[in-house]
């Protein structure tokens, strides 16, 4: 179980950093819902990983990832709505 929780955090970090790299290198637009979805997924996985052997030092990580997830979800909903409006006649 400990290994799965550790892998969760590592996978989450790869998701977030991977999306940042993809935007930075022009592989994906930061306006796309996928960007926000993967970032929210990454934040959630990091939260799962940080929940294992929790101590006070993890509060910064947990606070940051909660904010990251909320921003990503709001941004994703806004991007999705924009895509839906642009595709409707």
C-alpha atoms as a PDB file:
ATOM      1  CA  UNK A   1       0.000   0.000   0.000  1.00  0.00           C
ATOM      2  CA  UNK A   2       2.835   2.377   0.850  1.00  0.00           C
ATOM      3  CA  UNK A   3       4.298   1.863  -2.624  1.00  0.00           C
ATOM      4  CA  UNK A   4       0.957   2.667  -4.279  1.00  0.00           C
ATOM      5  CA  UNK A   5       0.617   5.884  -2.296  1.00  0.00           C
ATOM      6  CA  UNK A   6       4.145   6.900  -3.216  1.00  0.00           C
ATOM      7  CA  UNK A   7       3.495   6.111  -6.879  1.00  0.00           C
ATOM      8  CA  UNK A   8       0.320   8.172  -6.678  1.00  0.00           C
ATOM      9  CA  UNK A   9       2.269  11.252  -5.628  1.00  0.00           C
ATOM     10  CA  UNK A  10       4.944  10.683  -8.262  1.00  0.00           C
ATOM     11  CA  UNK A  11       2.332  10.168 -10.985  1.00  0.00           C
ATOM     12  CA  UNK A  12       0.547  13.339  -9.896  1.00  0.00           C
ATOM     13  CA  UNK A  13       3.761  15.331 -10.090  1.00  0.00           C
ATOM     14  CA  UNK A  14       4.439  13.927 -13.570  1.00  0.00           C
ATOM     15  CA  UNK A  15       0.929  14.991 -14.653  1.00  0.00           C
ATOM     16  CA  UNK A  16       1.367  18.567 -13.424  1.00  0.00           C
ATOM     17  CA  UNK A  17       4.926  19.022 -14.665  1.00  0.00           C
ATOM     18  CA  UNK A  18       4.108  17.243 -17.916  1.00  0.00           C
ATOM     19  CA  UNK A  19       1.242  19.614 -18.666  1.00  0.00           C
ATOM     20  CA  UNK A  20       3.443  22.609 -17.833  1.00  0.00           C
ATOM     21  CA  UNK A  21       6.094  21.285 -20.216  1.00  0.00           C
ATOM     22  CA  UNK A  22       3.510  20.570 -22.922  1.00  0.00           C
ATOM     23  CA  UNK A  23       2.235  24.149 -22.747  1.00  0.00           C
ATOM     24  CA  UNK A  24       5.752  25.584 -22.570  1.00  0.00           C
ATOM     25  CA  UNK A  25       6.843  23.658 -25.679  1.00  0.00           C
ATOM     26  CA  UNK A  26       3.668  24.453 -27.611  1.00  0.00           C
ATOM     27  CA  UNK A  27       2.306  20.897 -27.622  1.00  0.00           C
ATOM     28  CA  UNK A  28      -1.006  21.843 -26.009  1.00  0.00           C
ATOM     29  CA  UNK A  29      -2.856  25.079 -25.394  1.00  0.00           C
ATOM     30  CA  UNK A  30      -3.473  26.186 -21.832  1.00  0.00           C
ATOM     31  CA  UNK A  31      -6.966  27.057 -23.065  1.00  0.00           C
ATOM     32  CA  UNK A  32      -7.917  23.407 -23.622  1.00  0.00           C
ATOM     33  CA  UNK A  33     -10.000  21.512 -21.058  1.00  0.00           C
ATOM     34  CA  UNK A  34      -7.464  18.641 -21.184  1.00  0.00           C
ATOM     35  CA  UNK A  35      -4.807  20.907 -19.666  1.00  0.00           C
ATOM     36  CA  UNK A  36      -7.008  21.625 -16.661  1.00  0.00           C
ATOM     37  CA  UNK A  37      -8.256  18.047 -16.351  1.00  0.00           C
ATOM     38  CA  UNK A  38      -4.744  16.584 -16.186  1.00  0.00           C
ATOM     39  CA  UNK A  39      -3.650  19.275 -13.719  1.00  0.00           C
ATOM     40  CA  UNK A  40      -6.625  18.556 -11.444  1.00  0.00           C
ATOM     41  CA  UNK A  41      -5.926  14.827 -11.676  1.00  0.00           C
ATOM     42  CA  UNK A  42      -2.274  15.464 -10.834  1.00  0.00           C
ATOM     43  CA  UNK A  43      -3.164  17.595  -7.825  1.00  0.00           C
ATOM     44  CA  UNK A  44      -5.543  14.914  -6.579  1.00  0.00           C
ATOM     45  CA  UNK A  45      -2.898  12.211  -6.929  1.00  0.00           C
ATOM     46  CA  UNK A  46      -0.356  14.341  -5.086  1.00  0.00           C
ATOM     47  CA  UNK A  47      -2.905  14.842  -2.295  1.00  0.00           C
ATOM     48  CA  UNK A  48      -3.383  11.090  -2.057  1.00  0.00           C
ATOM     49  CA  UNK A  49       0.363  10.593  -1.880  1.00  0.00           C
ATOM     50  CA  UNK A  50       0.779  13.328   0.747  1.00  0.00           C
ATOM     51  CA  UNK A  51      -1.924  11.799   2.918  1.00  0.00           C
ATOM     52  CA  UNK A  52       0.339   8.853   3.681  1.00  0.00           C
ATOM     53  CA  UNK A  53       2.295   9.359   6.920  1.00  0.00           C
ATOM     54  CA  UNK A  54       0.879  12.882   7.304  1.00  0.00           C
ATOM     55  CA  UNK A  55       2.703  15.358   9.500  1.00  0.00           C
ATOM     56  CA  UNK A  56       2.523  19.134   9.989  1.00  0.00           C
ATOM     57  CA  UNK A  57       5.207  19.636   7.351  1.00  0.00           C
ATOM     58  CA  UNK A  58       2.759  18.353   4.742  1.00  0.00           C
ATOM     59  CA  UNK A  59       0.300  21.211   5.325  1.00  0.00           C
ATOM     60  CA  UNK A  60       2.016  23.391   2.733  1.00  0.00           C
ATOM     61  CA  UNK A  61       1.812  20.682   0.105  1.00  0.00           C
ATOM     62  CA  UNK A  62      -1.784  19.895   0.948  1.00  0.00           C
ATOM     63  CA  UNK A  63      -2.800  23.561   0.869  1.00  0.00           C
ATOM     64  CA  UNK A  64      -1.024  24.124  -2.424  1.00  0.00           C
ATOM     65  CA  UNK A  65      -2.521  21.062  -4.071  1.00  0.00           C
ATOM     66  CA  UNK A  66      -6.048  21.846  -2.852  1.00  0.00           C
ATOM     67  CA  UNK A  67      -5.760  25.328  -4.363  1.00  0.00           C
ATOM     68  CA  UNK A  68      -4.202  23.850  -7.532  1.00  0.00           C
ATOM     69  CA  UNK A  69      -7.092  21.384  -7.858  1.00  0.00           C
ATOM     70  CA  UNK A  70      -9.784  24.034  -7.301  1.00  0.00           C
ATOM     71  CA  UNK A  71      -8.202  26.401  -9.850  1.00  0.00           C
ATOM     72  CA  UNK A  72      -7.852  23.540 -12.339  1.00  0.00           C
ATOM     73  CA  UNK A  73     -11.465  22.455 -11.922  1.00  0.00           C
ATOM     74  CA  UNK A  74     -12.802  26.001 -12.317  1.00  0.00           C
ATOM     75  CA  UNK A  75     -10.536  26.627 -15.299  1.00  0.00           C
ATOM     76  CA  UNK A  76     -11.520  23.315 -16.871  1.00  0.00           C
ATOM     77  CA  UNK A  77     -15.229  24.036 -16.537  1.00  0.00           C
ATOM     78  CA  UNK A  78     -14.745  27.483 -18.061  1.00  0.00           C
ATOM     79  CA  UNK A  79     -12.679  26.058 -20.953  1.00  0.00           C
ATOM     80  CA  UNK A  80     -15.239  23.299 -21.555  1.00  0.00           C
ATOM     81  CA  UNK A  81     -18.110  25.815 -21.589  1.00  0.00           C
ATOM     82  CA  UNK A  82     -16.166  28.002 -24.034  1.00  0.00           C
ATOM     83  CA  UNK A  83     -15.578  24.992 -26.323  1.00  0.00           C
ATOM     84  CA  UNK A  84     -19.272  24.050 -26.176  1.00  0.00           C
ATOM     85  CA  UNK A  85     -20.372  27.609 -26.997  1.00  0.00           C
ATOM     86  CA  UNK A  86     -17.909  27.871 -29.890  1.00  0.00           C
ATOM     87  CA  UNK A  87     -19.057  24.573 -31.396  1.00  0.00           C
ATOM     88  CA  UNK A  88     -22.790  25.291 -31.191  1.00  0.00           C
ATOM     89  CA  UNK A  89     -24.443  26.968 -34.188  1.00  0.00           C
END
